[in-house]
Amino acid sequence: MSETSADDRRLCPTRTSGAHSLIAHWITPATCLERQRRSYHKCFTCRYQGLSAEATLPPIPKPAPLPKRAPAAEKPAAPQVRKRAKVPKTA
């Protein structure tokens, strides 16, 4: 049997958002295509969905850094709360 290197394998599933999955496996492209053909329950969220066995994925772009927050202004005054009127008890 021929050995396959890590370059010849895919991480199943590879999320379209780039998020890590809780449970993932390294599989061959042939296994990937077979799982897609049989509607494997993780394939609908995978980046390899519908791609050929020779397909390679581009690296996931890193999100833009968040803008720095402006210093906090003074806290606004708390709104005034009206007190409830006392109603006399009736017997």
PDB file of N, CA and C in Angstrom:
ATOM      1  N   MET A   1       0.815  -1.182   0.000  1.00  0.00           N
ATOM      2  CA  MET A   1       0.000   0.000   0.000  1.00  0.00           C
ATOM      3  C   MET A   1       0.860   1.248   0.000  1.00  0.00           C
ATOM      4  N   SER A   2       0.343   2.283  -0.618  1.00  0.00           N
ATOM      5  CA  SER A   2       1.105   3.523  -0.645  1.00  0.00           C
ATOM      6  C   SER A   2       0.725   4.378   0.560  1.00  0.00           C
ATOM      7  N   GLU A   3       1.704   4.992   1.146  1.00  0.00           N
ATOM      8  CA  GLU A   3       1.474   5.869   2.286  1.00  0.00           C
ATOM      9  C   GLU A   3       1.053   7.238   1.768  1.00  0.00           C
ATOM     10  N   THR A   4       0.146   7.879   2.445  1.00  0.00           N
ATOM     11  CA  THR A   4      -0.256   9.227   2.070  1.00  0.00           C
ATOM     12  C   THR A   4       0.316  10.202   3.090  1.00  0.00           C
ATOM     13  N   SER A   5       0.772  11.323   2.613  1.00  0.00           N
ATOM     14  CA  SER A   5       1.340  12.327   3.504  1.00  0.00           C
ATOM     15  C   SER A   5       0.228  13.233   4.004  1.00  0.00           C
ATOM     16  N   ALA A   6       0.562  14.083   4.941  1.00  0.00           N
ATOM     17  CA  ALA A   6      -0.423  15.031   5.473  1.00  0.00           C
ATOM     18  C   ALA A   6      -0.897  15.999   4.397  1.00  0.00           C
ATOM     19  N   ASP A   7      -0.049  16.223   3.371  1.00  0.00           N
ATOM     20  CA  ASP A   7      -0.445  17.118   2.282  1.00  0.00           C
ATOM     21  C   ASP A   7      -1.551  16.500   1.432  1.00  0.00           C
ATOM     22  N   ASP A   8      -1.655  15.166   1.451  1.00  0.00           N
ATOM     23  CA  ASP A   8      -2.659  14.484   0.648  1.00  0.00           C
ATOM     24  C   ASP A   8      -3.952  14.254   1.418  1.00  0.00           C
ATOM     25  N   ARG A   9      -4.072  14.814   2.591  1.00  0.00           N
ATOM     26  CA  ARG A   9      -5.256  14.584   3.415  1.00  0.00           C
ATOM     27  C   ARG A   9      -6.009  15.876   3.660  1.00  0.00           C
ATOM     28  N   ARG A  10      -7.244  15.708   4.079  1.00  0.00           N
ATOM     29  CA  ARG A  10      -8.112  16.843   4.374  1.00  0.00           C
ATOM     30  C   ARG A  10      -8.604  16.725   5.812  1.00  0.00           C
ATOM     31  N   LEU A  11      -8.792  17.855   6.433  1.00  0.00           N
ATOM     32  CA  LEU A  11      -9.361  17.877   7.771  1.00  0.00           C
ATOM     33  C   LEU A  11     -10.870  17.882   7.626  1.00  0.00           C
ATOM     34  N   CYS A  12     -11.517  16.875   8.187  1.00  0.00           N
ATOM     35  CA  CYS A  12     -12.962  16.723   8.028  1.00  0.00           C
ATOM     36  C   CYS A  12     -13.645  16.959   9.361  1.00  0.00           C
ATOM     37  N   PRO A  13     -14.521  17.923   9.457  1.00  0.00           N
ATOM     38  CA  PRO A  13     -14.870  18.927   8.465  1.00  0.00           C
ATOM     39  C   PRO A  13     -13.964  20.155   8.564  1.00  0.00           C
ATOM     40  N   THR A  14     -13.805  20.837   7.452  1.00  0.00           N
ATOM     41  CA  THR A  14     -13.111  22.117   7.411  1.00  0.00           C
ATOM     42  C   THR A  14     -14.197  23.170   7.246  1.00  0.00           C
ATOM     43  N   ARG A  15     -14.524  23.871   8.293  1.00  0.00           N
ATOM     44  CA  ARG A  15     -15.645  24.810   8.294  1.00  0.00           C
ATOM     45  C   ARG A  15     -15.429  25.968   7.321  1.00  0.00           C
ATOM     46  N   THR A  16     -16.518  26.418   6.714  1.00  0.00           N
ATOM     47  CA  THR A  16     -16.442  27.539   5.782  1.00  0.00           C
ATOM     48  C   THR A  16     -16.058  28.824   6.505  1.00  0.00           C
ATOM     49  N   SER A  17     -16.404  28.922   7.777  1.00  0.00           N
ATOM     50  CA  SER A  17     -16.084  30.119   8.551  1.00  0.00           C
ATOM     51  C   SER A  17     -14.662  30.097   9.099  1.00  0.00           C
ATOM     52  N   GLY A  18     -14.006  28.939   9.027  1.00  0.00           N
ATOM     53  CA  GLY A  18     -12.669  28.813   9.576  1.00  0.00           C
ATOM     54  C   GLY A  18     -12.683  28.405  11.041  1.00  0.00           C
ATOM     55  N   ALA A  19     -13.863  28.263  11.623  1.00  0.00           N
ATOM     56  CA  ALA A  19     -13.969  27.857  13.025  1.00  0.00           C
ATOM     57  C   ALA A  19     -13.529  26.401  13.176  1.00  0.00           C
ATOM     58  N   HIS A  20     -12.995  26.090  14.333  1.00  0.00           N
ATOM     59  CA  HIS A  20     -12.577  24.718  14.606  1.00  0.00           C
ATOM     60  C   HIS A  20     -13.792  23.889  14.981  1.00  0.00           C
ATOM     61  N   SER A  21     -13.784  22.641  14.562  1.00  0.00           N
ATOM     62  CA  SER A  21     -14.865  21.756  14.961  1.00  0.00           C
ATOM     63  C   SER A  21     -14.428  20.977  16.196  1.00  0.00           C
ATOM     64  N   LEU A  22     -15.391  20.541  16.961  1.00  0.00           N
ATOM     65  CA  LEU A  22     -15.095  19.838  18.197  1.00  0.00           C
ATOM     66  C   LEU A  22     -14.396  18.510  17.912  1.00  0.00           C
ATOM     67  N   ILE A  23     -14.898  17.765  16.928  1.00  0.00           N
ATOM     68  CA  ILE A  23     -14.303  16.495  16.538  1.00  0.00           C
ATOM     69  C   ILE A  23     -13.973  16.564  15.058  1.00  0.00           C
ATOM     70  N   ALA A  24     -12.715  16.353  14.710  1.00  0.00           N
ATOM     71  CA  ALA A  24     -12.283  16.401  13.313  1.00  0.00           C
ATOM     72  C   ALA A  24     -11.314  15.257  13.050  1.00  0.00           C
ATOM     73  N   HIS A  25     -11.262  14.817  11.797  1.00  0.00           N
ATOM     74  CA  HIS A  25     -10.398  13.713  11.407  1.00  0.00           C
ATOM     75  C   HIS A  25      -9.646  14.080  10.132  1.00  0.00           C
ATOM     76  N   TRP A  26      -8.440  13.543   9.979  1.00  0.00           N
ATOM     77  CA  TRP A  26      -7.704  13.674   8.726  1.00  0.00           C
ATOM     78  C   TRP A  26      -8.146  12.524   7.828  1.00  0.00           C
ATOM     79  N   ILE A  27      -8.678  12.845   6.655  1.00  0.00           N
ATOM     80  CA  ILE A  27      -9.164  11.818   5.731  1.00  0.00           C
ATOM     81  C   ILE A  27      -8.566  12.051   4.352  1.00  0.00           C
ATOM     82  N   THR A  28      -8.599  11.035   3.511  1.00  0.00           N
ATOM     83  CA  THR A  28      -8.101  11.160   2.138  1.00  0.00           C
ATOM     84  C   THR A  28      -9.160  11.840   1.286  1.00  0.00           C
ATOM     85  N   PRO A  29      -8.764  12.432   0.149  1.00  0.00           N
ATOM     86  CA  PRO A  29      -9.760  13.031  -0.741  1.00  0.00           C
ATOM     87  C   PRO A  29     -10.813  12.028  -1.218  1.00  0.00           C
ATOM     88  N   ALA A  30     -10.415  10.761  -1.413  1.00  0.00           N
ATOM     89  CA  ALA A  30     -11.387   9.750  -1.846  1.00  0.00           C
ATOM     90  C   ALA A  30     -12.458   9.538  -0.775  1.00  0.00           C
ATOM     91  N   THR A  31     -12.051   9.498   0.479  1.00  0.00           N
ATOM     92  CA  THR A  31     -13.017   9.360   1.576  1.00  0.00           C
ATOM     93  C   THR A  31     -13.909  10.594   1.648  1.00  0.00           C
ATOM     94  N   CYS A  32     -13.324  11.766   1.422  1.00  0.00           N
ATOM     95  CA  CYS A  32     -14.079  13.009   1.429  1.00  0.00           C
ATOM     96  C   CYS A  32     -15.176  12.974   0.359  1.00  0.00           C
ATOM     97  N   LEU A  33     -14.806  12.580  -0.850  1.00  0.00           N
ATOM     98  CA  LEU A  33     -15.782  12.530  -1.938  1.00  0.00           C
ATOM     99  C   LEU A  33     -16.862  11.479  -1.671  1.00  0.00           C
ATOM    100  N   GLU A  34     -16.482  10.379  -1.079  1.00  0.00           N
ATOM    101  CA  GLU A  34     -17.461   9.338  -0.748  1.00  0.00           C
ATOM    102  C   GLU A  34     -18.446   9.834   0.316  1.00  0.00           C
ATOM    103  N   ARG A  35     -17.938  10.546   1.301  1.00  0.00           N
ATOM    104  CA  ARG A  35     -18.817  11.105   2.327  1.00  0.00           C
ATOM    105  C   ARG A  35     -19.781  12.124   1.717  1.00  0.00           C
ATOM    106  N   GLN A  36     -19.284  12.950   0.797  1.00  0.00           N
ATOM    107  CA  GLN A  36     -20.164  13.919   0.138  1.00  0.00           C
ATOM    108  C   GLN A  36     -21.242  13.204  -0.668  1.00  0.00           C
ATOM    109  N   ARG A  37     -20.853  12.143  -1.359  1.00  0.00           N
ATOM    110  CA  ARG A  37     -21.801  11.397  -2.180  1.00  0.00           C
ATOM    111  C   ARG A  37     -22.903  10.776  -1.330  1.00  0.00           C
ATOM    112  N   ARG A  38     -22.543  10.357  -0.121  1.00  0.00           N
ATOM    113  CA  ARG A  38     -23.510   9.720   0.773  1.00  0.00           C
ATOM    114  C   ARG A  38     -24.173  10.716   1.735  1.00  0.00           C
ATOM    115  N   SER A  39     -23.996  12.005   1.485  1.00  0.00           N
ATOM    116  CA  SER A  39     -24.614  13.076   2.297  1.00  0.00           C
ATOM    117  C   SER A  39     -24.236  12.966   3.772  1.00  0.00           C
ATOM    118  N   TYR A  40     -22.934  12.878   4.020  1.00  0.00           N
ATOM    119  CA  TYR A  40     -22.422  12.823   5.389  1.00  0.00           C
ATOM    120  C   TYR A  40     -22.907  14.052   6.147  1.00  0.00           C
ATOM    121  N   HIS A  41     -23.264  13.883   7.404  1.00  0.00           N
ATOM    122  CA  HIS A  41     -23.929  14.949   8.149  1.00  0.00           C
ATOM    123  C   HIS A  41     -23.066  16.182   8.409  1.00  0.00           C
ATOM    124  N   LYS A  42     -21.770  16.131   8.178  1.00  0.00           N
ATOM    125  CA  LYS A  42     -20.923  17.306   8.387  1.00  0.00           C
ATOM    126  C   LYS A  42     -20.557  18.016   7.081  1.00  0.00           C
ATOM    127  N   CYS A  43     -20.889  17.417   5.949  1.00  0.00           N
ATOM    128  CA  CYS A  43     -20.449  17.970   4.664  1.00  0.00           C
ATOM    129  C   CYS A  43     -21.104  19.300   4.297  1.00  0.00           C
ATOM    130  N   PHE A  44     -22.295  19.560   4.789  1.00  0.00           N
ATOM    131  CA  PHE A  44     -22.982  20.786   4.377  1.00  0.00           C
ATOM    132  C   PHE A  44     -22.297  22.041   4.894  1.00  0.00           C
ATOM    133  N   THR A  45     -21.429  21.933   5.907  1.00  0.00           N
ATOM    134  CA  THR A  45     -20.712  23.097   6.431  1.00  0.00           C
ATOM    135  C   THR A  45     -19.238  23.106   6.045  1.00  0.00           C
ATOM    136  N   CYS A  46     -18.827  22.215   5.151  1.00  0.00           N
ATOM    137  CA  CYS A  46     -17.411  22.042   4.841  1.00  0.00           C
ATOM    138  C   CYS A  46     -16.982  22.876   3.630  1.00  0.00           C
ATOM    139  N   ARG A  47     -15.743  23.354   3.680  1.00  0.00           N
ATOM    140  CA  ARG A  47     -15.199  24.139   2.565  1.00  0.00           C
ATOM    141  C   ARG A  47     -14.907  23.269   1.344  1.00  0.00           C
ATOM    142  N   TYR A  48     -14.767  21.968   1.521  1.00  0.00           N
ATOM    143  CA  TYR A  48     -14.492  21.072   0.407  1.00  0.00           C
ATOM    144  C   TYR A  48     -15.767  20.634  -0.306  1.00  0.00           C
ATOM    145  N   GLN A  49     -16.920  21.058   0.156  1.00  0.00           N
ATOM    146  CA  GLN A  49     -18.191  20.644  -0.427  1.00  0.00           C
ATOM    147  C   GLN A  49     -18.218  20.960  -1.924  1.00  0.00           C
ATOM    148  N   GLY A  50     -18.386  19.913  -2.742  1.00  0.00           N
ATOM    149  CA  GLY A  50     -18.512  20.078  -4.184  1.00  0.00           C
ATOM    150  C   GLY A  50     -17.197  20.236  -4.936  1.00  0.00           C
ATOM    151  N   LEU A  51     -16.057  20.150  -4.262  1.00  0.00           N
ATOM    152  CA  LEU A  51     -14.767  20.312  -4.931  1.00  0.00           C
ATOM    153  C   LEU A  51     -14.213  18.948  -5.335  1.00  0.00           C
ATOM    154  N   SER A  52     -13.329  18.940  -6.305  1.00  0.00           N
ATOM    155  CA  SER A  52     -12.743  17.691  -6.786  1.00  0.00           C
ATOM    156  C   SER A  52     -11.694  17.175  -5.804  1.00  0.00           C
ATOM    157  N   ALA A  53     -11.198  15.972  -6.080  1.00  0.00           N
ATOM    158  CA  ALA A  53     -10.194  15.358  -5.212  1.00  0.00           C
ATOM    159  C   ALA A  53      -8.859  16.099  -5.279  1.00  0.00           C
ATOM    160  N   GLU A  54      -8.580  16.789  -6.371  1.00  0.00           N
ATOM    161  CA  GLU A  54      -7.315  17.522  -6.530  1.00  0.00           C
ATOM    162  C   GLU A  54      -7.379  18.941  -5.976  1.00  0.00           C
ATOM    163  N   ALA A  55      -8.529  19.358  -5.507  1.00  0.00           N
ATOM    164  CA  ALA A  55      -8.718  20.744  -5.062  1.00  0.00           C
ATOM    165  C   ALA A  55      -7.876  21.042  -3.830  1.00  0.00           C
ATOM    166  N   THR A  56      -7.313  22.225  -3.796  1.00  0.00           N
ATOM    167  CA  THR A  56      -6.618  22.721  -2.609  1.00  0.00           C
ATOM    168  C   THR A  56      -7.287  24.026  -2.212  1.00  0.00           C
ATOM    169  N   LEU A  57      -7.350  24.259  -0.942  1.00  0.00           N
ATOM    170  CA  LEU A  57      -8.028  25.458  -0.442  1.00  0.00           C
ATOM    171  C   LEU A  57      -7.037  26.592  -0.242  1.00  0.00           C
ATOM    172  N   PRO A  58      -7.456  27.803  -0.576  1.00  0.00           N
ATOM    173  CA  PRO A  58      -6.603  28.949  -0.254  1.00  0.00           C
ATOM    174  C   PRO A  58      -6.643  29.170   1.254  1.00  0.00           C
ATOM    175  N   PRO A  59      -5.632  29.809   1.812  1.00  0.00           N
ATOM    176  CA  PRO A  59      -5.658  30.059   3.252  1.00  0.00           C
ATOM    177  C   PRO A  59      -6.827  30.976   3.612  1.00  0.00           C
ATOM    178  N   ILE A  60      -7.349  30.778   4.792  1.00  0.00           N
ATOM    179  CA  ILE A  60      -8.471  31.598   5.257  1.00  0.00           C
ATOM    180  C   ILE A  60      -7.935  32.984   5.597  1.00  0.00           C
ATOM    181  N   PRO A  61      -8.539  34.033   5.034  1.00  0.00           N
ATOM    182  CA  PRO A  61      -8.052  35.378   5.358  1.00  0.00           C
ATOM    183  C   PRO A  61      -8.335  35.703   6.821  1.00  0.00           C
ATOM    184  N   LYS A  62      -7.393  36.379   7.451  1.00  0.00           N
ATOM    185  CA  LYS A  62      -7.579  36.768   8.846  1.00  0.00           C
ATOM    186  C   LYS A  62      -8.506  37.979   8.888  1.00  0.00           C
ATOM    187  N   PRO A  63      -9.384  38.031   9.876  1.00  0.00           N
ATOM    188  CA  PRO A  63     -10.281  39.181   9.967  1.00  0.00           C
ATOM    189  C   PRO A  63      -9.506  40.451  10.288  1.00  0.00           C
ATOM    190  N   ALA A  64     -10.072  41.564   9.865  1.00  0.00           N
ATOM    191  CA  ALA A  64      -9.437  42.859  10.125  1.00  0.00           C
ATOM    192  C   ALA A  64      -9.437  43.112  11.626  1.00  0.00           C
ATOM    193  N   PRO A  65      -8.398  43.774  12.127  1.00  0.00           N
ATOM    194  CA  PRO A  65      -8.370  44.047  13.563  1.00  0.00           C
ATOM    195  C   PRO A  65      -9.488  45.014  13.951  1.00  0.00           C
ATOM    196  N   LEU A  66      -9.972  44.858  15.163  1.00  0.00           N
ATOM    197  CA  LEU A  66     -11.028  45.738  15.643  1.00  0.00           C
ATOM    198  C   LEU A  66     -10.459  47.118  15.902  1.00  0.00           C
ATOM    199  N   PRO A  67     -11.250  48.156  15.624  1.00  0.00           N
ATOM    200  CA  PRO A  67     -10.757  49.507  15.908  1.00  0.00           C
ATOM    201  C   PRO A  67     -10.634  49.713  17.412  1.00  0.00           C
ATOM    202  N   LYS A  68      -9.686  50.558  17.795  1.00  0.00           N
ATOM    203  CA  LYS A  68      -9.494  50.831  19.217  1.00  0.00           C
ATOM    204  C   LYS A  68     -10.656  51.671  19.726  1.00  0.00           C
ATOM    205  N   ARG A  69     -11.024  51.399  20.955  1.00  0.00           N
ATOM    206  CA  ARG A  69     -12.135  52.129  21.551  1.00  0.00           C
ATOM    207  C   ARG A  69     -11.678  53.513  21.993  1.00  0.00           C
ATOM    208  N   ALA A  70     -12.578  54.456  21.866  1.00  0.00           N
ATOM    209  CA  ALA A  70     -12.310  55.802  22.355  1.00  0.00           C
ATOM    210  C   ALA A  70     -12.423  55.770  23.876  1.00  0.00           C
ATOM    211  N   PRO A  71     -11.711  56.644  24.569  1.00  0.00           N
ATOM    212  CA  PRO A  71     -11.831  56.656  26.027  1.00  0.00           C
ATOM    213  C   PRO A  71     -13.275  56.941  26.430  1.00  0.00           C
ATOM    214  N   ALA A  72     -13.681  56.310  27.492  1.00  0.00           N
ATOM    215  CA  ALA A  72     -15.066  56.458  27.955  1.00  0.00           C
ATOM    216  C   ALA A  72     -15.298  57.867  28.462  1.00  0.00           C
ATOM    217  N   ALA A  73     -16.436  58.416  28.089  1.00  0.00           N
ATOM    218  CA  ALA A  73     -16.810  59.746  28.561  1.00  0.00           C
ATOM    219  C   ALA A  73     -17.349  59.614  29.978  1.00  0.00           C
ATOM    220  N   GLU A  74     -17.639  60.740  30.596  1.00  0.00           N
ATOM    221  CA  GLU A  74     -18.192  60.697  31.948  1.00  0.00           C
ATOM    222  C   GLU A  74     -19.516  59.950  31.917  1.00  0.00           C
ATOM    223  N   LYS A  75     -19.789  59.260  33.008  1.00  0.00           N
ATOM    224  CA  LYS A  75     -21.038  58.532  33.078  1.00  0.00           C
ATOM    225  C   LYS A  75     -22.201  59.516  33.129  1.00  0.00           C
ATOM    226  N   PRO A  76     -23.251  59.225  32.393  1.00  0.00           N
ATOM    227  CA  PRO A  76     -24.414  60.121  32.470  1.00  0.00           C
ATOM    228  C   PRO A  76     -25.084  59.961  33.834  1.00  0.00           C
ATOM    229  N   ALA A  77     -25.766  61.011  34.242  1.00  0.00           N
ATOM    230  CA  ALA A  77     -26.440  60.976  35.538  1.00  0.00           C
ATOM    231  C   ALA A  77     -27.535  59.919  35.498  1.00  0.00           C
ATOM    232  N   ALA A  78     -27.738  59.280  36.626  1.00  0.00           N
ATOM    233  CA  ALA A  78     -28.770  58.255  36.706  1.00  0.00           C
ATOM    234  C   ALA A  78     -30.136  58.917  36.576  1.00  0.00           C
ATOM    235  N   PRO A  79     -31.062  58.287  35.879  1.00  0.00           N
ATOM    236  CA  PRO A  79     -32.386  58.890  35.742  1.00  0.00           C
ATOM    237  C   PRO A  79     -33.097  58.917  37.098  1.00  0.00           C
ATOM    238  N   GLN A  80     -33.902  59.950  37.294  1.00  0.00           N
ATOM    239  CA  GLN A  80     -34.621  60.069  38.553  1.00  0.00           C
ATOM    240  C   GLN A  80     -35.797  59.107  38.551  1.00  0.00           C
ATOM    241  N   VAL A  81     -35.970  58.437  39.669  1.00  0.00           N
ATOM    242  CA  VAL A  81     -37.055  57.483  39.805  1.00  0.00           C
ATOM    243  C   VAL A  81     -38.110  58.083  40.713  1.00  0.00           C
ATOM    244  N   ARG A  82     -39.331  58.060  40.235  1.00  0.00           N
ATOM    245  CA  ARG A  82     -40.417  58.604  41.049  1.00  0.00           C
ATOM    246  C   ARG A  82     -40.811  57.591  42.115  1.00  0.00           C
ATOM    247  N   LYS A  83     -41.104  58.086  43.295  1.00  0.00           N
ATOM    248  CA  LYS A  83     -41.544  57.218  44.364  1.00  0.00           C
ATOM    249  C   LYS A  83     -43.033  56.974  44.211  1.00  0.00           C
ATOM    250  N   ARG A  84     -43.442  55.780  44.597  1.00  0.00           N
ATOM    251  CA  ARG A  84     -44.853  55.426  44.514  1.00  0.00           C
ATOM    252  C   ARG A  84     -45.623  56.093  45.648  1.00  0.00           C
ATOM    253  N   ALA A  85     -46.794  56.503  45.320  1.00  0.00           N
ATOM    254  CA  ALA A  85     -47.662  57.097  46.335  1.00  0.00           C
ATOM    255  C   ALA A  85     -48.209  56.000  47.218  1.00  0.00           C
ATOM    256  N   LYS A  86     -48.310  56.271  48.513  1.00  0.00           N
ATOM    257  CA  LYS A  86     -48.872  55.304  49.420  1.00  0.00           C
ATOM    258  C   LYS A  86     -50.390  55.424  49.386  1.00  0.00           C
ATOM    259  N   VAL A  87     -51.004  54.290  49.290  1.00  0.00           N
ATOM    260  CA  VAL A  87     -52.462  54.253  49.262  1.00  0.00           C
ATOM    261  C   VAL A  87     -52.932  53.734  50.599  1.00  0.00           C
ATOM    262  N   PRO A  88     -53.874  54.433  51.213  1.00  0.00           N
ATOM    263  CA  PRO A  88     -54.354  53.968  52.520  1.00  0.00           C
ATOM    264  C   PRO A  88     -55.097  52.642  52.376  1.00  0.00           C
ATOM    265  N   LYS A  89     -54.922  51.776  53.369  1.00  0.00           N
ATOM    266  CA  LYS A  89     -55.602  50.494  53.357  1.00  0.00           C
ATOM    267  C   LYS A  89     -57.051  50.683  53.722  1.00  0.00           C
ATOM    268  N   THR A  90     -57.899  49.945  53.059  1.00  0.00           N
ATOM    269  CA  THR A  90     -59.327  49.992  53.405  1.00  0.00           C
ATOM    270  C   THR A  90     -59.678  48.723  54.141  1.00  0.00           C
ATOM    271  N   ALA A  91     -60.594  48.853  55.071  1.00  0.00           N
ATOM    272  CA  ALA A  91     -60.929  47.682  55.878  1.00  0.00           C
ATOM    273  C   ALA A  91     -62.095  46.936  55.321  1.00  0.00           C
TER     274      ALA A  91
END
